[in-house]
Amino acid sequence: MKKNTFILIGLIAVIILAVGVISYFKASPITGLTITDDEAKAIAANSTLIYSKTCSHCIEQEQILGKYIIYFNLVDVAEHPEILKQYQVKGVPAWIINGKKYEGVKSLKELKDLTSVQ
C-alpha cells in the first residue's frame, strides 16, 4: 500500500509540473520576443497599467510583462476607482500611454509600438 501511495504522489507531482510548464508557455503569446531592460524602462516611462488583482486578463498581462513589471506604474482599480472615470475605462487591463487609453492585453511588441520605443 505504501508503494502505491508513493507512485500516486509522484504521478500527481508530474501532472502538476506539466500543467505549470504548459500554462507558463501558453500565457506568453510573445514567445521569441525579447527586450532589454532599457527598452522595458523606456516603455514603462510612457505608460501606466490600470488593472485589477482579480481579473484573469490582468494576470495574463502581468505574466507578459514578466520580470519587467517592476518598472511599470500599476494602478489597482480597487484602490483607485476614480481612475476608471478619469480615463473612461470600461474594462481592464487598460493602458494609458502618452495620455491615450488602450484597453486589453498587450504584447511587449505592441507596447513597444504604442510607446514608439525603438
N, C-alpha and C. Protein backbone atom coordinates (compact mmCIF):
# COMPACT_ATOMS: atom_id res chain seq x y z
N MET A 1 0.81 -1.20 0.00
CA MET A 1 0.00 0.00 0.00
C MET A 1 0.86 1.26 0.00
N LYS A 2 1.95 1.26 0.73
CA LYS A 2 2.81 2.43 0.77
C LYS A 2 3.44 2.70 -0.60
N LYS A 3 3.80 1.64 -1.31
CA LYS A 3 4.40 1.81 -2.64
C LYS A 3 3.41 2.47 -3.58
N ASN A 4 2.16 2.06 -3.52
CA ASN A 4 1.13 2.65 -4.36
C ASN A 4 0.91 4.12 -4.02
N THR A 5 1.00 4.44 -2.76
CA THR A 5 0.83 5.83 -2.33
C THR A 5 1.96 6.71 -2.90
N PHE A 6 3.19 6.21 -2.84
CA PHE A 6 4.32 6.97 -3.39
C PHE A 6 4.18 7.13 -4.90
N ILE A 7 3.73 6.12 -5.58
CA ILE A 7 3.53 6.20 -7.03
C ILE A 7 2.45 7.23 -7.35
N LEU A 8 1.37 7.21 -6.60
CA LEU A 8 0.28 8.17 -6.82
C LEU A 8 0.76 9.60 -6.57
N ILE A 9 1.49 9.80 -5.51
CA ILE A 9 2.02 11.14 -5.20
C ILE A 9 2.98 11.60 -6.30
N GLY A 10 3.82 10.70 -6.76
CA GLY A 10 4.75 11.03 -7.85
C GLY A 10 4.01 11.38 -9.12
N LEU A 11 2.97 10.65 -9.45
CA LEU A 11 2.18 10.92 -10.65
C LEU A 11 1.49 12.27 -10.55
N ILE A 12 0.95 12.57 -9.39
CA ILE A 12 0.30 13.88 -9.19
C ILE A 12 1.32 15.00 -9.33
N ALA A 13 2.51 14.83 -8.79
CA ALA A 13 3.56 15.85 -8.90
C ALA A 13 3.95 16.08 -10.35
N VAL A 14 4.08 15.02 -11.12
CA VAL A 14 4.43 15.15 -12.54
C VAL A 14 3.32 15.87 -13.30
N ILE A 15 2.07 15.57 -13.01
CA ILE A 15 0.95 16.24 -13.67
C ILE A 15 0.93 17.72 -13.33
N ILE A 16 1.12 18.05 -12.07
CA ILE A 16 1.15 19.46 -11.66
C ILE A 16 2.28 20.20 -12.35
N LEU A 17 3.44 19.59 -12.42
CA LEU A 17 4.58 20.21 -13.10
C LEU A 17 4.28 20.42 -14.58
N ALA A 18 3.70 19.43 -15.23
CA ALA A 18 3.37 19.53 -16.66
C ALA A 18 2.36 20.65 -16.91
N VAL A 19 1.35 20.74 -16.07
CA VAL A 19 0.34 21.80 -16.21
C VAL A 19 0.99 23.16 -16.01
N GLY A 20 1.88 23.27 -15.04
CA GLY A 20 2.58 24.54 -14.82
C GLY A 20 3.42 24.96 -16.00
N VAL A 21 4.16 24.04 -16.58
CA VAL A 21 5.01 24.36 -17.74
C VAL A 21 4.14 24.77 -18.93
N ILE A 22 3.08 24.02 -19.18
CA ILE A 22 2.18 24.35 -20.29
C ILE A 22 1.54 25.72 -20.07
N SER A 23 1.10 26.00 -18.86
CA SER A 23 0.48 27.29 -18.55
C SER A 23 1.47 28.44 -18.75
N TYR A 24 2.70 28.23 -18.35
CA TYR A 24 3.71 29.27 -18.48
C TYR A 24 3.91 29.64 -19.95
N PHE A 25 4.07 28.65 -20.81
CA PHE A 25 4.31 28.94 -22.21
C PHE A 25 3.05 29.40 -22.93
N LYS A 26 1.90 28.90 -22.55
CA LYS A 26 0.65 29.32 -23.15
C LYS A 26 0.33 30.77 -22.80
N ALA A 27 0.67 31.18 -21.60
CA ALA A 27 0.36 32.53 -21.13
C ALA A 27 1.25 33.57 -21.76
N SER A 28 2.25 33.16 -22.48
CA SER A 28 3.19 34.10 -23.09
C SER A 28 3.06 34.08 -24.61
N PRO A 29 2.11 34.85 -25.16
CA PRO A 29 1.91 34.85 -26.60
C PRO A 29 3.03 35.55 -27.36
N ILE A 30 4.00 36.04 -26.65
CA ILE A 30 5.08 36.79 -27.27
C ILE A 30 6.38 36.01 -27.27
N THR A 31 6.26 34.69 -27.22
CA THR A 31 7.44 33.84 -27.21
C THR A 31 8.36 34.24 -28.36
N GLY A 32 9.61 34.37 -28.07
CA GLY A 32 10.57 34.74 -29.10
C GLY A 32 10.93 36.22 -29.07
N LEU A 33 10.07 37.08 -28.54
CA LEU A 33 10.37 38.50 -28.46
C LEU A 33 11.10 38.76 -27.16
N THR A 34 12.25 39.34 -27.28
CA THR A 34 12.98 39.74 -26.08
C THR A 34 13.22 41.23 -26.14
N ILE A 35 13.21 41.83 -24.99
CA ILE A 35 13.54 43.25 -24.91
C ILE A 35 14.59 43.41 -23.84
N THR A 36 15.28 44.51 -23.91
CA THR A 36 16.31 44.80 -22.93
C THR A 36 15.70 45.54 -21.74
N ASP A 37 16.45 45.62 -20.66
CA ASP A 37 15.99 46.39 -19.51
C ASP A 37 15.76 47.85 -19.90
N ASP A 38 16.64 48.40 -20.73
CA ASP A 38 16.48 49.79 -21.16
C ASP A 38 15.20 49.99 -21.97
N GLU A 39 14.87 49.02 -22.84
CA GLU A 39 13.63 49.12 -23.60
C GLU A 39 12.43 49.03 -22.66
N ALA A 40 12.48 48.13 -21.71
CA ALA A 40 11.39 47.99 -20.75
C ALA A 40 11.21 49.29 -19.96
N LYS A 41 12.32 49.88 -19.54
CA LYS A 41 12.25 51.14 -18.79
C LYS A 41 11.67 52.25 -19.66
N ALA A 42 12.03 52.29 -20.93
CA ALA A 42 11.51 53.31 -21.85
C ALA A 42 10.01 53.12 -22.07
N ILE A 43 9.58 51.88 -22.23
CA ILE A 43 8.15 51.60 -22.39
C ILE A 43 7.42 52.03 -21.12
N ALA A 44 7.94 51.65 -19.98
CA ALA A 44 7.30 51.94 -18.70
C ALA A 44 7.24 53.44 -18.42
N ALA A 45 8.24 54.17 -18.86
CA ALA A 45 8.28 55.61 -18.60
C ALA A 45 7.11 56.34 -19.25
N ASN A 46 6.56 55.76 -20.30
CA ASN A 46 5.48 56.41 -21.04
C ASN A 46 4.13 55.74 -20.84
N SER A 47 4.02 54.85 -19.85
CA SER A 47 2.77 54.10 -19.75
C SER A 47 2.39 53.78 -18.30
N THR A 48 1.09 53.62 -18.13
CA THR A 48 0.51 53.22 -16.85
C THR A 48 -0.44 52.07 -17.12
N LEU A 49 -0.36 51.04 -16.31
CA LEU A 49 -1.26 49.89 -16.44
C LEU A 49 -2.33 49.98 -15.36
N ILE A 50 -3.59 50.05 -15.80
CA ILE A 50 -4.73 50.03 -14.90
C ILE A 50 -5.21 48.59 -14.87
N TYR A 51 -5.31 48.01 -13.67
CA TYR A 51 -5.61 46.59 -13.57
C TYR A 51 -6.41 46.28 -12.31
N SER A 52 -6.84 45.03 -12.24
CA SER A 52 -7.49 44.51 -11.04
C SER A 52 -6.81 43.20 -10.67
N LYS A 53 -6.58 43.02 -9.39
CA LYS A 53 -5.91 41.80 -8.91
C LYS A 53 -6.76 40.55 -9.15
N THR A 54 -8.07 40.72 -9.35
CA THR A 54 -8.96 39.58 -9.53
C THR A 54 -9.30 39.30 -10.99
N CYS A 55 -8.71 40.03 -11.91
CA CYS A 55 -9.01 39.90 -13.34
C CYS A 55 -8.04 38.92 -14.00
N SER A 56 -8.56 37.89 -14.66
CA SER A 56 -7.69 36.90 -15.30
C SER A 56 -6.89 37.52 -16.45
N HIS A 57 -7.48 38.47 -17.16
CA HIS A 57 -6.75 39.12 -18.25
C HIS A 57 -5.61 39.99 -17.71
N CYS A 58 -5.84 40.57 -16.55
CA CYS A 58 -4.79 41.38 -15.91
C CYS A 58 -3.64 40.49 -15.45
N ILE A 59 -3.97 39.31 -14.96
CA ILE A 59 -2.93 38.36 -14.56
C ILE A 59 -2.12 37.95 -15.78
N GLU A 60 -2.80 37.74 -16.90
CA GLU A 60 -2.11 37.41 -18.15
C GLU A 60 -1.18 38.56 -18.55
N GLN A 61 -1.65 39.80 -18.41
CA GLN A 61 -0.82 40.95 -18.75
C GLN A 61 0.41 41.01 -17.86
N GLU A 62 0.24 40.73 -16.58
CA GLU A 62 1.38 40.72 -15.67
C GLU A 62 2.39 39.64 -16.06
N GLN A 63 1.89 38.49 -16.50
CA GLN A 63 2.78 37.42 -16.95
C GLN A 63 3.56 37.84 -18.19
N ILE A 64 2.93 38.55 -19.08
CA ILE A 64 3.61 39.04 -20.29
C ILE A 64 4.72 40.02 -19.91
N LEU A 65 4.44 40.89 -18.96
CA LEU A 65 5.45 41.85 -18.53
C LEU A 65 6.60 41.14 -17.81
N GLY A 66 6.29 40.05 -17.15
CA GLY A 66 7.32 39.23 -16.51
C GLY A 66 8.18 40.03 -15.55
N LYS A 67 9.48 39.83 -15.67
CA LYS A 67 10.42 40.47 -14.74
C LYS A 67 10.46 41.99 -14.91
N TYR A 68 9.94 42.49 -16.02
CA TYR A 68 9.96 43.93 -16.27
C TYR A 68 8.85 44.68 -15.53
N ILE A 69 7.94 43.97 -14.91
CA ILE A 69 6.81 44.60 -14.24
C ILE A 69 7.25 45.61 -13.18
N ILE A 70 8.43 45.42 -12.63
CA ILE A 70 8.91 46.33 -11.58
C ILE A 70 9.11 47.76 -12.09
N TYR A 71 9.24 47.93 -13.40
CA TYR A 71 9.46 49.27 -13.97
C TYR A 71 8.16 50.03 -14.21
N PHE A 72 7.03 49.33 -14.18
CA PHE A 72 5.76 49.93 -14.60
C PHE A 72 4.98 50.55 -13.47
N ASN A 73 4.26 51.61 -13.81
CA ASN A 73 3.34 52.25 -12.89
C ASN A 73 2.03 51.45 -12.96
N LEU A 74 1.69 50.76 -11.88
CA LEU A 74 0.49 49.93 -11.83
C LEU A 74 -0.55 50.61 -10.95
N VAL A 75 -1.77 50.72 -11.46
CA VAL A 75 -2.85 51.34 -10.71
C VAL A 75 -3.96 50.31 -10.54
N ASP A 76 -4.17 49.88 -9.31
CA ASP A 76 -5.20 48.90 -8.98
C ASP A 76 -6.54 49.63 -8.84
N VAL A 77 -7.55 49.19 -9.60
CA VAL A 77 -8.84 49.87 -9.57
C VAL A 77 -9.54 49.73 -8.21
N ALA A 78 -9.21 48.70 -7.46
CA ALA A 78 -9.80 48.55 -6.13
C ALA A 78 -9.31 49.65 -5.19
N GLU A 79 -8.08 50.08 -5.39
CA GLU A 79 -7.50 51.13 -4.54
C GLU A 79 -7.77 52.53 -5.09
N HIS A 80 -7.96 52.63 -6.42
CA HIS A 80 -8.17 53.93 -7.08
C HIS A 80 -9.32 53.84 -8.08
N PRO A 81 -10.55 53.65 -7.61
CA PRO A 81 -11.68 53.50 -8.54
C PRO A 81 -11.94 54.73 -9.40
N GLU A 82 -11.49 55.89 -8.95
CA GLU A 82 -11.70 57.12 -9.71
C GLU A 82 -10.98 57.11 -11.06
N ILE A 83 -9.96 56.26 -11.19
CA ILE A 83 -9.19 56.19 -12.44
C ILE A 83 -10.06 55.71 -13.59
N LEU A 84 -11.04 54.87 -13.29
CA LEU A 84 -11.93 54.36 -14.33
C LEU A 84 -12.71 55.50 -14.97
N LYS A 85 -13.22 56.40 -14.14
CA LYS A 85 -13.97 57.55 -14.65
C LYS A 85 -13.04 58.56 -15.33
N GLN A 86 -11.89 58.77 -14.71
CA GLN A 86 -10.94 59.75 -15.24
C GLN A 86 -10.56 59.45 -16.69
N TYR A 87 -10.32 58.18 -17.00
CA TYR A 87 -9.90 57.80 -18.36
C TYR A 87 -11.01 57.09 -19.14
N GLN A 88 -12.22 57.07 -18.59
CA GLN A 88 -13.36 56.40 -19.23
C GLN A 88 -13.04 54.95 -19.59
N VAL A 89 -12.47 54.25 -18.62
CA VAL A 89 -12.09 52.85 -18.81
C VAL A 89 -13.32 51.98 -18.59
N LYS A 90 -13.60 51.13 -19.57
CA LYS A 90 -14.74 50.23 -19.48
C LYS A 90 -14.32 48.81 -19.08
N GLY A 91 -13.05 48.49 -19.25
CA GLY A 91 -12.56 47.17 -18.90
C GLY A 91 -11.06 47.20 -18.65
N VAL A 92 -10.61 46.27 -17.83
CA VAL A 92 -9.19 46.16 -17.52
C VAL A 92 -8.68 44.82 -18.03
N PRO A 93 -7.42 44.72 -18.36
CA PRO A 93 -6.39 45.75 -18.20
C PRO A 93 -6.58 46.87 -19.21
N ALA A 94 -6.15 48.02 -18.81
CA ALA A 94 -6.16 49.19 -19.69
C ALA A 94 -4.82 49.90 -19.53
N TRP A 95 -4.34 50.39 -20.63
CA TRP A 95 -3.06 51.11 -20.65
C TRP A 95 -3.31 52.58 -20.94
N ILE A 96 -2.61 53.43 -20.24
CA ILE A 96 -2.57 54.86 -20.56
C ILE A 96 -1.15 55.09 -21.07
N ILE A 97 -1.05 55.35 -22.36
CA ILE A 97 0.26 55.53 -22.99
C ILE A 97 0.29 56.89 -23.67
N ASN A 98 1.21 57.71 -23.22
CA ASN A 98 1.31 59.08 -23.72
C ASN A 98 -0.05 59.78 -23.68
N GLY A 99 -0.79 59.56 -22.60
CA GLY A 99 -2.08 60.23 -22.41
C GLY A 99 -3.26 59.60 -23.13
N LYS A 100 -3.04 58.55 -23.92
CA LYS A 100 -4.11 57.91 -24.67
C LYS A 100 -4.42 56.54 -24.08
N LYS A 101 -5.72 56.17 -24.06
CA LYS A 101 -6.16 54.91 -23.47
C LYS A 101 -6.18 53.77 -24.50
N TYR A 102 -5.69 52.60 -24.06
CA TYR A 102 -5.72 51.37 -24.86
C TYR A 102 -6.20 50.26 -23.93
N GLU A 103 -7.31 49.64 -24.26
CA GLU A 103 -7.84 48.58 -23.41
C GLU A 103 -7.44 47.21 -23.95
N GLY A 104 -7.31 46.26 -23.04
CA GLY A 104 -7.00 44.89 -23.40
C GLY A 104 -5.54 44.53 -23.15
N VAL A 105 -5.28 43.23 -23.21
CA VAL A 105 -3.94 42.70 -23.01
C VAL A 105 -3.07 43.10 -24.20
N LYS A 106 -1.87 43.56 -23.92
CA LYS A 106 -0.93 43.97 -24.96
C LYS A 106 0.36 43.17 -24.86
N SER A 107 0.88 42.78 -26.00
CA SER A 107 2.17 42.09 -26.04
C SER A 107 3.29 43.11 -25.86
N LEU A 108 4.48 42.64 -25.60
CA LEU A 108 5.62 43.56 -25.49
C LEU A 108 5.84 44.29 -26.81
N LYS A 109 5.63 43.61 -27.93
CA LYS A 109 5.79 44.26 -29.24
C LYS A 109 4.78 45.39 -29.40
N GLU A 110 3.52 45.11 -29.04
CA GLU A 110 2.50 46.16 -29.13
C GLU A 110 2.86 47.34 -28.24
N LEU A 111 3.35 47.07 -27.04
CA LEU A 111 3.73 48.15 -26.14
C LEU A 111 4.90 48.95 -26.71
N LYS A 112 5.86 48.25 -27.31
CA LYS A 112 6.98 48.96 -27.96
C LYS A 112 6.45 49.88 -29.05
N ASP A 113 5.54 49.36 -29.87
CA ASP A 113 4.98 50.15 -30.97
C ASP A 113 4.18 51.34 -30.45
N LEU A 114 3.33 51.11 -29.44
CA LEU A 114 2.48 52.17 -28.92
C LEU A 114 3.29 53.27 -28.23
N THR A 115 4.40 52.90 -27.65
CA THR A 115 5.23 53.90 -26.96
C THR A 115 6.34 54.44 -27.86
N SER A 116 6.42 53.93 -29.08
CA SER A 116 7.44 54.35 -30.06
C SER A 116 8.85 54.08 -29.58
N VAL A 117 9.02 53.02 -28.80
CA VAL A 117 10.37 52.63 -28.36
C VAL A 117 11.04 51.89 -29.49
N GLN A 118 12.25 52.31 -29.82
CA GLN A 118 12.98 51.70 -30.94
C GLN A 118 13.96 50.67 -30.44
